[in-house]
């Protein structure tokens, strides 16, 4: 991503509705995974470290990040040692180490997503889980994706197929950010008419009231996700397991 985006992320990720709602949803999913009492967790592509505090409530957290600026910000938070690493070829961990690998909005940045999933699968212990989220639907492609250096957006069927081809067993899939889909779809279409490559990719802090409202709407999906699947959304998620020997 652009260096300015990391700086903006570090500023917003504690309070902006999108980051806080996604974190609430992710935490509720993790609670349902039946992890061991002290799980070994990897945040693979942790960015500026906004999810490390939450993950640390569920086990011993390790993290990797390719960008020097983002890695420095994440290390400063003090919840994990954040190592330099790049998917899929420069991963600083041994095989079969982790009970849970979290890959939240990372895969879309990687050129070789198929090999990335194979490598991450090799890092899981037998029975371990990969929890992944990605942006959904190619027709939602916008300046947001350009600014964030996305390579692609996914149909859920494509994500499932690539996980299965990596040798992982699908435990759960769903679209999410469904409630706000019409609003975001409309905003993205309008954005195409006035696209500006200097935009921050629609990352900006709204007024406190709007921020609370959008958080409440988006985060309400946590009461459904993990138990039932939503048929469409701005994002897609999957939980995949490595088989027991």
C-alpha atoms as a PDB file:
ATOM      1  CA  UNK A   1       0.000   0.000   0.000  1.00  0.00           C
ATOM      2  CA  UNK A   2       0.988   3.649  -0.250  1.00  0.00           C
ATOM      3  CA  UNK A   3       3.074   4.761   2.791  1.00  0.00           C
ATOM      4  CA  UNK A   4       0.486   7.441   3.559  1.00  0.00           C
ATOM      5  CA  UNK A   5      -2.186   4.740   3.880  1.00  0.00           C
ATOM      6  CA  UNK A   6      -0.268   3.011   6.679  1.00  0.00           C
ATOM      7  CA  UNK A   7       0.014   6.291   8.558  1.00  0.00           C
ATOM      8  CA  UNK A   8      -3.708   6.879   8.125  1.00  0.00           C
ATOM      9  CA  UNK A   9      -4.518   3.310   9.184  1.00  0.00           C
ATOM     10  CA  UNK A  10      -2.493   3.658  12.370  1.00  0.00           C
ATOM     11  CA  UNK A  11      -4.487   6.769  13.217  1.00  0.00           C
ATOM     12  CA  UNK A  12      -7.931   5.355  12.438  1.00  0.00           C
ATOM     13  CA  UNK A  13      -7.844   1.660  13.296  1.00  0.00           C
ATOM     14  CA  UNK A  14      -8.677   2.123  16.985  1.00  0.00           C
ATOM     15  CA  UNK A  15     -11.835   4.154  16.378  1.00  0.00           C
ATOM     16  CA  UNK A  16     -12.978   4.061  12.741  1.00  0.00           C
ATOM     17  CA  UNK A  17     -16.220   2.095  12.313  1.00  0.00           C
ATOM     18  CA  UNK A  18     -14.860  -0.263   9.627  1.00  0.00           C
ATOM     19  CA  UNK A  19     -11.820  -1.364  11.627  1.00  0.00           C
ATOM     20  CA  UNK A  20     -13.643  -1.646  14.943  1.00  0.00           C
ATOM     21  CA  UNK A  21     -16.627  -3.526  13.491  1.00  0.00           C
ATOM     22  CA  UNK A  22     -14.434  -5.942  11.547  1.00  0.00           C
ATOM     23  CA  UNK A  23     -12.437  -6.553  14.735  1.00  0.00           C
ATOM     24  CA  UNK A  24     -15.634  -7.253  16.704  1.00  0.00           C
ATOM     25  CA  UNK A  25     -16.772  -9.697  14.019  1.00  0.00           C
ATOM     26  CA  UNK A  26     -13.369 -11.394  13.888  1.00  0.00           C
ATOM     27  CA  UNK A  27     -13.260 -11.776  17.664  1.00  0.00           C
ATOM     28  CA  UNK A  28     -16.695 -13.372  17.718  1.00  0.00           C
ATOM     29  CA  UNK A  29     -15.589 -15.838  15.036  1.00  0.00           C
ATOM     30  CA  UNK A  30     -12.420 -16.696  16.980  1.00  0.00           C
ATOM     31  CA  UNK A  31     -14.480 -17.366  20.125  1.00  0.00           C
ATOM     32  CA  UNK A  32     -16.300 -20.105  18.202  1.00  0.00           C
ATOM     33  CA  UNK A  33     -13.151 -21.939  17.049  1.00  0.00           C
ATOM     34  CA  UNK A  34     -12.541 -24.058  20.162  1.00  0.00           C
ATOM     35  CA  UNK A  35      -8.863 -23.130  20.333  1.00  0.00           C
ATOM     36  CA  UNK A  36      -6.558 -24.704  22.933  1.00  0.00           C
ATOM     37  CA  UNK A  37      -6.237 -22.767  26.235  1.00  0.00           C
ATOM     38  CA  UNK A  38      -2.982 -21.096  25.183  1.00  0.00           C
ATOM     39  CA  UNK A  39      -3.187 -21.116  21.413  1.00  0.00           C
ATOM     40  CA  UNK A  40      -0.263 -20.177  19.221  1.00  0.00           C
ATOM     41  CA  UNK A  41      -1.584 -17.539  16.824  1.00  0.00           C
ATOM     42  CA  UNK A  42      -0.044 -15.896  13.749  1.00  0.00           C
ATOM     43  CA  UNK A  43      -1.262 -12.612  12.301  1.00  0.00           C
ATOM     44  CA  UNK A  44       0.155 -13.020   8.795  1.00  0.00           C
ATOM     45  CA  UNK A  45       0.342  -9.508   7.394  1.00  0.00           C
ATOM     46  CA  UNK A  46      -0.576  -7.550  10.499  1.00  0.00           C
ATOM     47  CA  UNK A  47      -0.224  -4.081   8.998  1.00  0.00           C
ATOM     48  CA  UNK A  48       0.130  -1.515  11.750  1.00  0.00           C
ATOM     49  CA  UNK A  49      -0.991  -4.032  14.383  1.00  0.00           C
ATOM     50  CA  UNK A  50      -4.560  -3.007  15.036  1.00  0.00           C
ATOM     51  CA  UNK A  51      -5.715  -6.572  15.759  1.00  0.00           C
ATOM     52  CA  UNK A  52      -2.816  -7.706  17.952  1.00  0.00           C
ATOM     53  CA  UNK A  53      -4.370  -6.640  21.264  1.00  0.00           C
ATOM     54  CA  UNK A  54      -7.577  -8.532  20.474  1.00  0.00           C
ATOM     55  CA  UNK A  55      -5.705 -11.638  19.335  1.00  0.00           C
ATOM     56  CA  UNK A  56      -3.557 -11.619  22.475  1.00  0.00           C
ATOM     57  CA  UNK A  57      -6.678 -12.426  24.510  1.00  0.00           C
ATOM     58  CA  UNK A  58      -6.779 -15.875  22.883  1.00  0.00           C
ATOM     59  CA  UNK A  59      -3.188 -17.033  22.997  1.00  0.00           C
ATOM     60  CA  UNK A  60       0.444 -16.315  22.277  1.00  0.00           C
ATOM     61  CA  UNK A  61       0.547 -14.006  19.278  1.00  0.00           C
ATOM     62  CA  UNK A  62       3.206 -13.873  16.588  1.00  0.00           C
ATOM     63  CA  UNK A  63       3.052 -11.521  13.632  1.00  0.00           C
ATOM     64  CA  UNK A  64       4.763 -10.754  10.355  1.00  0.00           C
ATOM     65  CA  UNK A  65       4.639  -7.706   8.104  1.00  0.00           C
ATOM     66  CA  UNK A  66       6.567  -6.867   4.941  1.00  0.00           C
ATOM     67  CA  UNK A  67       6.402  -3.066   5.161  1.00  0.00           C
ATOM     68  CA  UNK A  68       9.083  -1.512   7.382  1.00  0.00           C
ATOM     69  CA  UNK A  69       6.951   1.463   8.413  1.00  0.00           C
ATOM     70  CA  UNK A  70       3.922  -0.639   9.311  1.00  0.00           C
ATOM     71  CA  UNK A  71       6.066  -3.206  11.126  1.00  0.00           C
ATOM     72  CA  UNK A  72       7.647  -0.505  13.278  1.00  0.00           C
ATOM     73  CA  UNK A  73       4.199   0.807  14.227  1.00  0.00           C
ATOM     74  CA  UNK A  74       2.963  -2.706  15.046  1.00  0.00           C
ATOM     75  CA  UNK A  75       6.004  -3.540  17.176  1.00  0.00           C
ATOM     76  CA  UNK A  76       5.515  -0.321  19.132  1.00  0.00           C
ATOM     77  CA  UNK A  77       2.148  -1.613  20.356  1.00  0.00           C
ATOM     78  CA  UNK A  78       3.968  -4.300  22.363  1.00  0.00           C
ATOM     79  CA  UNK A  79       1.524  -7.206  21.926  1.00  0.00           C
ATOM     80  CA  UNK A  80       3.750  -9.367  19.704  1.00  0.00           C
ATOM     81  CA  UNK A  81       7.166  -9.506  18.146  1.00  0.00           C
ATOM     82  CA  UNK A  82       6.483  -8.520  14.561  1.00  0.00           C
ATOM     83  CA  UNK A  83       8.998 -10.080  12.187  1.00  0.00           C
ATOM     84  CA  UNK A  84       9.852  -9.065   8.655  1.00  0.00           C
ATOM     85  CA  UNK A  85       8.228 -11.384   6.147  1.00  0.00           C
ATOM     86  CA  UNK A  86       6.687 -11.476   2.703  1.00  0.00           C
ATOM     87  CA  UNK A  87       4.129 -13.966   1.422  1.00  0.00           C
ATOM     88  CA  UNK A  88       4.613 -16.514   0.020  1.00  0.00           C
ATOM     89  CA  UNK A  89       8.402 -16.830  -0.245  1.00  0.00           C
ATOM     90  CA  UNK A  90       9.891 -15.080   2.799  1.00  0.00           C
ATOM     91  CA  UNK A  91       8.111 -16.514   5.838  1.00  0.00           C
ATOM     92  CA  UNK A  92      10.188 -16.514   9.061  1.00  0.00           C
ATOM     93  CA  UNK A  93       8.512 -19.520  10.719  1.00  0.00           C
ATOM     94  CA  UNK A  94       8.881 -23.288  10.729  1.00  0.00           C
ATOM     95  CA  UNK A  95       6.156 -25.644   9.553  1.00  0.00           C
ATOM     96  CA  UNK A  96       3.295 -26.852  11.782  1.00  0.00           C
ATOM     97  CA  UNK A  97       3.714 -24.191  14.490  1.00  0.00           C
ATOM     98  CA  UNK A  98       0.343 -22.495  14.757  1.00  0.00           C
ATOM     99  CA  UNK A  99      -3.127 -23.352  16.051  1.00  0.00           C
ATOM    100  CA  UNK A 100      -4.618 -20.329  14.281  1.00  0.00           C
ATOM    101  CA  UNK A 101      -3.438 -18.155  11.411  1.00  0.00           C
ATOM    102  CA  UNK A 102      -5.342 -14.930  10.826  1.00  0.00           C
ATOM    103  CA  UNK A 103      -5.177 -13.371   7.357  1.00  0.00           C
ATOM    104  CA  UNK A 104      -7.483 -10.366   7.379  1.00  0.00           C
ATOM    105  CA  UNK A 105      -7.599  -8.416   4.118  1.00  0.00           C
ATOM    106  CA  UNK A 106      -4.113  -9.503   3.082  1.00  0.00           C
ATOM    107  CA  UNK A 107      -4.501 -12.127   0.340  1.00  0.00           C
ATOM    108  CA  UNK A 108      -5.779  -9.581  -2.174  1.00  0.00           C
ATOM    109  CA  UNK A 109      -2.402  -7.802  -1.977  1.00  0.00           C
ATOM    110  CA  UNK A 110      -0.399 -10.916  -2.895  1.00  0.00           C
ATOM    111  CA  UNK A 111       0.385 -11.766  -6.508  1.00  0.00           C
ATOM    112  CA  UNK A 112       0.612 -15.531  -5.940  1.00  0.00           C
ATOM    113  CA  UNK A 113      -2.406 -16.204  -3.758  1.00  0.00           C
ATOM    114  CA  UNK A 114      -2.501 -19.950  -4.486  1.00  0.00           C
ATOM    115  CA  UNK A 115       1.027 -20.599  -3.239  1.00  0.00           C
ATOM    116  CA  UNK A 116       0.438 -18.255  -0.304  1.00  0.00           C
ATOM    117  CA  UNK A 117      -2.420 -20.454   0.901  1.00  0.00           C
ATOM    118  CA  UNK A 118      -0.275 -23.569   0.533  1.00  0.00           C
ATOM    119  CA  UNK A 119       2.523 -21.992   2.565  1.00  0.00           C
ATOM    120  CA  UNK A 120       0.138 -20.856   5.302  1.00  0.00           C
ATOM    121  CA  UNK A 121      -1.389 -24.320   5.404  1.00  0.00           C
ATOM    122  CA  UNK A 122       2.061 -25.772   5.999  1.00  0.00           C
ATOM    123  CA  UNK A 123       2.486 -23.498   9.041  1.00  0.00           C
ATOM    124  CA  UNK A 124      -0.656 -24.851  10.718  1.00  0.00           C
ATOM    125  CA  UNK A 125      -0.522 -27.658  13.226  1.00  0.00           C
ATOM    126  CA  UNK A 126      -2.718 -30.655  12.323  1.00  0.00           C
ATOM    127  CA  UNK A 127      -6.261 -29.541  13.131  1.00  0.00           C
ATOM    128  CA  UNK A 128      -5.247 -25.869  13.063  1.00  0.00           C
ATOM    129  CA  UNK A 129      -7.402 -23.140  11.517  1.00  0.00           C
ATOM    130  CA  UNK A 130      -6.840 -20.477   8.891  1.00  0.00           C
ATOM    131  CA  UNK A 131      -9.250 -17.542   9.309  1.00  0.00           C
ATOM    132  CA  UNK A 132      -9.246 -15.362   6.219  1.00  0.00           C
ATOM    133  CA  UNK A 133     -11.143 -12.329   4.962  1.00  0.00           C
ATOM    134  CA  UNK A 134     -10.914 -10.712   1.526  1.00  0.00           C
ATOM    135  CA  UNK A 135     -12.745  -8.022  -0.445  1.00  0.00           C
ATOM    136  CA  UNK A 136     -15.618  -9.489  -2.440  1.00  0.00           C
ATOM    137  CA  UNK A 137     -17.006  -9.179  -5.963  1.00  0.00           C
ATOM    138  CA  UNK A 138     -14.894  -7.876  -8.855  1.00  0.00           C
ATOM    139  CA  UNK A 139     -17.715  -5.540  -9.894  1.00  0.00           C
ATOM    140  CA  UNK A 140     -17.048  -3.543  -6.707  1.00  0.00           C
ATOM    141  CA  UNK A 141     -13.549  -2.662  -7.955  1.00  0.00           C
ATOM    142  CA  UNK A 142     -12.912   1.038  -7.373  1.00  0.00           C
ATOM    143  CA  UNK A 143     -10.259   3.619  -6.574  1.00  0.00           C
ATOM    144  CA  UNK A 144     -10.247   2.137  -3.065  1.00  0.00           C
ATOM    145  CA  UNK A 145      -8.685  -1.016  -4.538  1.00  0.00           C
ATOM    146  CA  UNK A 146      -6.213   0.966  -6.625  1.00  0.00           C
ATOM    147  CA  UNK A 147      -4.970   3.031  -3.686  1.00  0.00           C
ATOM    148  CA  UNK A 148      -4.610  -0.064  -1.503  1.00  0.00           C
ATOM    149  CA  UNK A 149      -2.719  -1.934  -4.255  1.00  0.00           C
ATOM    150  CA  UNK A 150      -5.207  -4.787  -4.452  1.00  0.00           C
ATOM    151  CA  UNK A 151      -4.583  -7.439  -7.090  1.00  0.00           C
ATOM    152  CA  UNK A 152      -8.140  -8.769  -7.113  1.00  0.00           C
ATOM    153  CA  UNK A 153     -11.506  -9.041  -5.397  1.00  0.00           C
ATOM    154  CA  UNK A 154     -12.983 -12.504  -4.817  1.00  0.00           C
ATOM    155  CA  UNK A 155     -16.127 -14.461  -5.396  1.00  0.00           C
ATOM    156  CA  UNK A 156     -16.641 -16.783  -2.438  1.00  0.00           C
ATOM    157  CA  UNK A 157     -16.566 -19.782  -4.776  1.00  0.00           C
ATOM    158  CA  UNK A 158     -13.079 -18.760  -5.964  1.00  0.00           C
ATOM    159  CA  UNK A 159     -11.792 -18.391  -2.410  1.00  0.00           C
ATOM    160  CA  UNK A 160     -13.188 -21.803  -1.432  1.00  0.00           C
ATOM    161  CA  UNK A 161     -11.634 -23.452  -4.473  1.00  0.00           C
ATOM    162  CA  UNK A 162      -8.200 -21.985  -3.778  1.00  0.00           C
ATOM    163  CA  UNK A 163      -8.320 -23.052  -0.135  1.00  0.00           C
ATOM    164  CA  UNK A 164      -9.282 -26.595  -1.109  1.00  0.00           C
ATOM    165  CA  UNK A 165      -6.530 -26.709  -3.726  1.00  0.00           C
ATOM    166  CA  UNK A 166      -4.108 -25.737  -0.950  1.00  0.00           C
ATOM    167  CA  UNK A 167      -5.078 -28.942   0.857  1.00  0.00           C
ATOM    168  CA  UNK A 168      -7.305 -27.306   3.483  1.00  0.00           C
ATOM    169  CA  UNK A 169     -10.770 -28.401   4.574  1.00  0.00           C
ATOM    170  CA  UNK A 170     -13.500 -25.759   4.432  1.00  0.00           C
ATOM    171  CA  UNK A 171     -15.226 -25.381   7.796  1.00  0.00           C
ATOM    172  CA  UNK A 172     -17.234 -22.208   7.151  1.00  0.00           C
ATOM    173  CA  UNK A 173     -17.663 -19.507   4.508  1.00  0.00           C
ATOM    174  CA  UNK A 174     -19.784 -16.395   4.205  1.00  0.00           C
ATOM    175  CA  UNK A 175     -19.989 -12.984   2.696  1.00  0.00           C
ATOM    176  CA  UNK A 176     -20.142 -10.147   5.217  1.00  0.00           C
ATOM    177  CA  UNK A 177     -20.527  -6.377   5.422  1.00  0.00           C
ATOM    178  CA  UNK A 178     -23.952  -7.135   4.000  1.00  0.00           C
ATOM    179  CA  UNK A 179     -26.101  -4.551   5.779  1.00  0.00           C
ATOM    180  CA  UNK A 180     -24.091  -1.679   4.304  1.00  0.00           C
ATOM    181  CA  UNK A 181     -23.698  -3.274   0.862  1.00  0.00           C
ATOM    182  CA  UNK A 182     -26.199  -0.980  -0.942  1.00  0.00           C
ATOM    183  CA  UNK A 183     -24.632   2.141   0.559  1.00  0.00           C
ATOM    184  CA  UNK A 184     -21.071   1.078  -0.254  1.00  0.00           C
ATOM    185  CA  UNK A 185     -22.002  -0.121  -3.743  1.00  0.00           C
ATOM    186  CA  UNK A 186     -23.567   3.265  -4.472  1.00  0.00           C
ATOM    187  CA  UNK A 187     -20.608   5.156  -3.056  1.00  0.00           C
ATOM    188  CA  UNK A 188     -18.149   3.105  -5.116  1.00  0.00           C
ATOM    189  CA  UNK A 189     -20.121   3.751  -8.310  1.00  0.00           C
ATOM    190  CA  UNK A 190     -20.174   7.483  -7.627  1.00  0.00           C
ATOM    191  CA  UNK A 191     -16.489   7.363  -6.824  1.00  0.00           C
ATOM    192  CA  UNK A 192     -15.721   5.985 -10.282  1.00  0.00           C
ATOM    193  CA  UNK A 193     -17.171   9.161 -11.771  1.00  0.00           C
ATOM    194  CA  UNK A 194     -14.822  11.401  -9.809  1.00  0.00           C
ATOM    195  CA  UNK A 195     -11.873   9.071  -9.277  1.00  0.00           C
ATOM    196  CA  UNK A 196      -8.755  10.741  -7.942  1.00  0.00           C
ATOM    197  CA  UNK A 197      -5.606   8.699  -7.423  1.00  0.00           C
ATOM    198  CA  UNK A 198      -4.711  10.943  -4.507  1.00  0.00           C
ATOM    199  CA  UNK A 199      -7.742   9.785  -2.580  1.00  0.00           C
ATOM    200  CA  UNK A 200      -7.076   7.847   0.613  1.00  0.00           C
ATOM    201  CA  UNK A 201      -9.237   5.011  -0.687  1.00  0.00           C
ATOM    202  CA  UNK A 202     -12.374   6.223   1.190  1.00  0.00           C
ATOM    203  CA  UNK A 203     -10.635   5.971   4.565  1.00  0.00           C
ATOM    204  CA  UNK A 204     -11.727   8.998   6.540  1.00  0.00           C
ATOM    205  CA  UNK A 205     -13.189   9.484   9.999  1.00  0.00           C
ATOM    206  CA  UNK A 206     -16.875  10.440   9.807  1.00  0.00           C
ATOM    207  CA  UNK A 207     -18.678  12.468  12.441  1.00  0.00           C
ATOM    208  CA  UNK A 208     -19.041  10.706  15.820  1.00  0.00           C
ATOM    209  CA  UNK A 209     -22.746  10.020  15.260  1.00  0.00           C
ATOM    210  CA  UNK A 210     -22.233   8.533  11.794  1.00  0.00           C
ATOM    211  CA  UNK A 211     -19.248   6.542  13.048  1.00  0.00           C
ATOM    212  CA  UNK A 212     -21.326   5.001  15.855  1.00  0.00           C
ATOM    213  CA  UNK A 213     -24.224   4.290  13.496  1.00  0.00           C
ATOM    214  CA  UNK A 214     -22.072   2.574  10.874  1.00  0.00           C
ATOM    215  CA  UNK A 215     -20.303   0.564  13.575  1.00  0.00           C
ATOM    216  CA  UNK A 216     -23.636  -0.594  14.999  1.00  0.00           C
ATOM    217  CA  UNK A 217     -24.935  -1.636  11.570  1.00  0.00           C
ATOM    218  CA  UNK A 218     -21.797  -3.456  10.420  1.00  0.00           C
ATOM    219  CA  UNK A 219     -20.931  -5.083  13.757  1.00  0.00           C
ATOM    220  CA  UNK A 220     -24.492  -6.401  14.175  1.00  0.00           C
ATOM    221  CA  UNK A 221     -23.548  -9.120  11.686  1.00  0.00           C
ATOM    222  CA  UNK A 222     -21.421 -10.774  14.380  1.00  0.00           C
ATOM    223  CA  UNK A 223     -24.608 -12.255  15.847  1.00  0.00           C
ATOM    224  CA  UNK A 224     -25.142 -14.205  12.606  1.00  0.00           C
ATOM    225  CA  UNK A 225     -21.664 -14.911  11.250  1.00  0.00           C
ATOM    226  CA  UNK A 226     -20.079 -18.182  12.263  1.00  0.00           C
ATOM    227  CA  UNK A 227     -23.497 -19.815  12.664  1.00  0.00           C
ATOM    228  CA  UNK A 228     -25.182 -18.906   9.391  1.00  0.00           C
ATOM    229  CA  UNK A 229     -23.888 -17.603   6.072  1.00  0.00           C
ATOM    230  CA  UNK A 230     -24.853 -14.337   4.404  1.00  0.00           C
ATOM    231  CA  UNK A 231     -25.558 -14.454   0.648  1.00  0.00           C
ATOM    232  CA  UNK A 232     -23.674 -11.298  -0.404  1.00  0.00           C
ATOM    233  CA  UNK A 233     -21.516  -8.551   1.035  1.00  0.00           C
ATOM    234  CA  UNK A 234     -18.626  -6.183   0.455  1.00  0.00           C
ATOM    235  CA  UNK A 235     -16.249  -8.786   1.926  1.00  0.00           C
ATOM    236  CA  UNK A 236     -15.948 -12.569   2.129  1.00  0.00           C
ATOM    237  CA  UNK A 237     -14.578 -14.780   4.889  1.00  0.00           C
ATOM    238  CA  UNK A 238     -13.596 -18.400   5.311  1.00  0.00           C
ATOM    239  CA  UNK A 239     -12.429 -20.734   8.048  1.00  0.00           C
ATOM    240  CA  UNK A 240     -10.339 -23.614   6.743  1.00  0.00           C
ATOM    241  CA  UNK A 241      -8.750 -26.414   8.752  1.00  0.00           C
ATOM    242  CA  UNK A 242      -5.687 -28.529   8.266  1.00  0.00           C
ATOM    243  CA  UNK A 243      -6.618 -32.186   8.519  1.00  0.00           C
ATOM    244  CA  UNK A 244      -5.507 -34.302  11.453  1.00  0.00           C
ATOM    245  CA  UNK A 245      -3.044 -37.033  10.623  1.00  0.00           C
END
